[in-house]
Amino acid sequence: PEVRAAAVTLAPAQRLVGYWVPEPGSALDAPALREFLRGALPGYMIPSLLVPLPALPLTASGKVDRAALPAVPLRLRDDRDFAEP
């Protein structure tokens, strides 16, 4: 109930990135949201990165403009043990 809007995209390296807009006055943060998602979704459906936004970008027809969402780093946090060949 503390999330106004959300969208999930597939980032480079086949990782899910979740963009979310908190309700005004909400104290919800990414770790608390991740903990909630762990109780509601299977592990493979939980985004690797959660990005809070003031509002989701929308197209003229009112749909989420996925091309206008902020870019994410090519390497997400859990790739730190990855060694390039």
C-alpha atoms as a PDB file:
ATOM      1  CA  PRO A   1       0.000   0.000   0.000  1.00  0.00           C
ATOM      2  CA  GLU A   2       3.011   2.349   0.284  1.00  0.00           C
ATOM      3  CA  VAL A   3       3.844   2.046  -3.433  1.00  0.00           C
ATOM      4  CA  ARG A   4       1.920   4.300  -5.822  1.00  0.00           C
ATOM      5  CA  ALA A   5       3.249   2.843  -9.088  1.00  0.00           C
ATOM      6  CA  ALA A   6       5.832   0.306 -10.222  1.00  0.00           C
ATOM      7  CA  ALA A   7       7.404  -1.115 -13.363  1.00  0.00           C
ATOM      8  CA  VAL A   8       9.951  -3.866 -13.940  1.00  0.00           C
ATOM      9  CA  THR A   9      12.316  -4.131 -16.905  1.00  0.00           C
ATOM     10  CA  LEU A  10      14.985  -6.527 -18.047  1.00  0.00           C
ATOM     11  CA  ALA A  11      18.419  -4.885 -17.850  1.00  0.00           C
ATOM     12  CA  PRO A  12      21.673  -5.938 -19.511  1.00  0.00           C
ATOM     13  CA  ALA A  13      23.048  -9.229 -18.211  1.00  0.00           C
ATOM     14  CA  GLN A  14      19.457 -10.543 -17.966  1.00  0.00           C
ATOM     15  CA  ARG A  15      18.706  -8.872 -14.607  1.00  0.00           C
ATOM     16  CA  LEU A  16      15.362  -7.536 -13.439  1.00  0.00           C
ATOM     17  CA  VAL A  17      15.276  -3.874 -12.426  1.00  0.00           C
ATOM     18  CA  GLY A  18      12.285  -2.570 -10.491  1.00  0.00           C
ATOM     19  CA  TYR A  19      11.303   1.102 -10.633  1.00  0.00           C
ATOM     20  CA  TRP A  20       8.854   2.262  -7.978  1.00  0.00           C
ATOM     21  CA  VAL A  21       7.111   5.444  -6.858  1.00  0.00           C
ATOM     22  CA  PRO A  22       6.395   5.670  -3.117  1.00  0.00           C
ATOM     23  CA  GLU A  23       3.162   7.169  -1.829  1.00  0.00           C
ATOM     24  CA  PRO A  24       3.589  10.745  -0.550  1.00  0.00           C
ATOM     25  CA  GLY A  25       4.793  10.728   3.055  1.00  0.00           C
ATOM     26  CA  SER A  26       5.791   7.066   2.921  1.00  0.00           C
ATOM     27  CA  ALA A  27       8.928   6.008   4.793  1.00  0.00           C
ATOM     28  CA  LEU A  28       9.344   2.931   2.591  1.00  0.00           C
ATOM     29  CA  ASP A  29      12.867   2.303   1.351  1.00  0.00           C
ATOM     30  CA  ALA A  30      14.394  -0.259  -1.035  1.00  0.00           C
ATOM     31  CA  PRO A  31      15.470  -2.763   1.684  1.00  0.00           C
ATOM     32  CA  ALA A  32      11.976  -2.777   3.217  1.00  0.00           C
ATOM     33  CA  LEU A  33      10.398  -3.184  -0.216  1.00  0.00           C
ATOM     34  CA  ARG A  34      12.776  -6.058  -1.038  1.00  0.00           C
ATOM     35  CA  GLU A  35      11.835  -7.770   2.243  1.00  0.00           C
ATOM     36  CA  PHE A  36       8.130  -7.415   1.403  1.00  0.00           C
ATOM     37  CA  LEU A  37       8.717  -8.863  -2.069  1.00  0.00           C
ATOM     38  CA  ARG A  38      10.580 -11.855  -0.574  1.00  0.00           C
ATOM     39  CA  GLY A  39       7.388 -12.756   1.275  1.00  0.00           C
ATOM     40  CA  ALA A  40       5.169 -12.297  -1.774  1.00  0.00           C
ATOM     41  CA  LEU A  41       7.182 -13.550  -4.776  1.00  0.00           C
ATOM     42  CA  PRO A  42       9.471 -16.449  -5.665  1.00  0.00           C
ATOM     43  CA  GLY A  43      13.158 -15.511  -5.569  1.00  0.00           C
ATOM     44  CA  TYR A  44      13.618 -15.442  -9.338  1.00  0.00           C
ATOM     45  CA  MET A  45      10.936 -12.727  -9.642  1.00  0.00           C
ATOM     46  CA  ILE A  46      12.559 -10.284  -7.190  1.00  0.00           C
ATOM     47  CA  PRO A  47      14.423  -7.499  -9.031  1.00  0.00           C
ATOM     48  CA  SER A  48      18.198  -7.331  -8.603  1.00  0.00           C
ATOM     49  CA  LEU A  49      17.974  -3.560  -8.304  1.00  0.00           C
ATOM     50  CA  LEU A  50      15.147  -1.377  -6.947  1.00  0.00           C
ATOM     51  CA  VAL A  51      15.153   2.247  -8.123  1.00  0.00           C
ATOM     52  CA  PRO A  52      12.854   4.780  -6.421  1.00  0.00           C
ATOM     53  CA  LEU A  53      11.519   7.538  -8.677  1.00  0.00           C
ATOM     54  CA  PRO A  54       9.369  10.621  -8.020  1.00  0.00           C
ATOM     55  CA  ALA A  55       7.104   9.520 -10.926  1.00  0.00           C
ATOM     56  CA  LEU A  56       7.191   6.962 -13.712  1.00  0.00           C
ATOM     57  CA  PRO A  57       7.692   8.473 -17.184  1.00  0.00           C
ATOM     58  CA  LEU A  58       4.547   8.054 -19.267  1.00  0.00           C
ATOM     59  CA  THR A  59       3.837   8.089 -22.989  1.00  0.00           C
ATOM     60  CA  ALA A  60       1.110  10.275 -24.509  1.00  0.00           C
ATOM     61  CA  SER A  61      -1.287   7.331 -24.171  1.00  0.00           C
ATOM     62  CA  GLY A  62      -0.574   7.027 -20.422  1.00  0.00           C
ATOM     63  CA  LYS A  63       1.529   3.848 -20.572  1.00  0.00           C
ATOM     64  CA  VAL A  64       4.936   3.559 -18.918  1.00  0.00           C
ATOM     65  CA  ASP A  65       7.616   4.916 -21.248  1.00  0.00           C
ATOM     66  CA  ARG A  66      10.229   2.207 -20.678  1.00  0.00           C
ATOM     67  CA  ALA A  67      12.734   3.940 -22.980  1.00  0.00           C
ATOM     68  CA  ALA A  68      12.662   6.999 -20.695  1.00  0.00           C
ATOM     69  CA  LEU A  69      13.369   5.073 -17.488  1.00  0.00           C
ATOM     70  CA  PRO A  70      16.788   5.875 -15.972  1.00  0.00           C
ATOM     71  CA  ALA A  71      19.655   3.730 -17.194  1.00  0.00           C
ATOM     72  CA  VAL A  72      21.119   1.234 -14.759  1.00  0.00           C
ATOM     73  CA  PRO A  73      24.759   0.271 -14.403  1.00  0.00           C
ATOM     74  CA  LEU A  74      25.829  -2.613 -16.624  1.00  0.00           C
ATOM     75  CA  ARG A  75      27.098  -4.431 -13.572  1.00  0.00           C
ATOM     76  CA  LEU A  76      24.664  -4.745 -10.728  1.00  0.00           C
ATOM     77  CA  ARG A  77      25.779  -5.169  -7.160  1.00  0.00           C
ATOM     78  CA  ASP A  78      25.733  -8.988  -7.122  1.00  0.00           C
ATOM     79  CA  ASP A  79      28.164  -9.135 -10.089  1.00  0.00           C
ATOM     80  CA  ARG A  80      31.131  -8.045  -7.978  1.00  0.00           C
ATOM     81  CA  ASP A  81      32.543 -11.588  -7.866  1.00  0.00           C
ATOM     82  CA  PHE A  82      32.348 -11.935 -11.636  1.00  0.00           C
ATOM     83  CA  ALA A  83      35.701 -12.263 -13.392  1.00  0.00           C
ATOM     84  CA  GLU A  84      35.792 -11.471 -17.096  1.00  0.00           C
ATOM     85  CA  PRO A  85      37.245 -14.255 -19.268  1.00  0.00           C
END
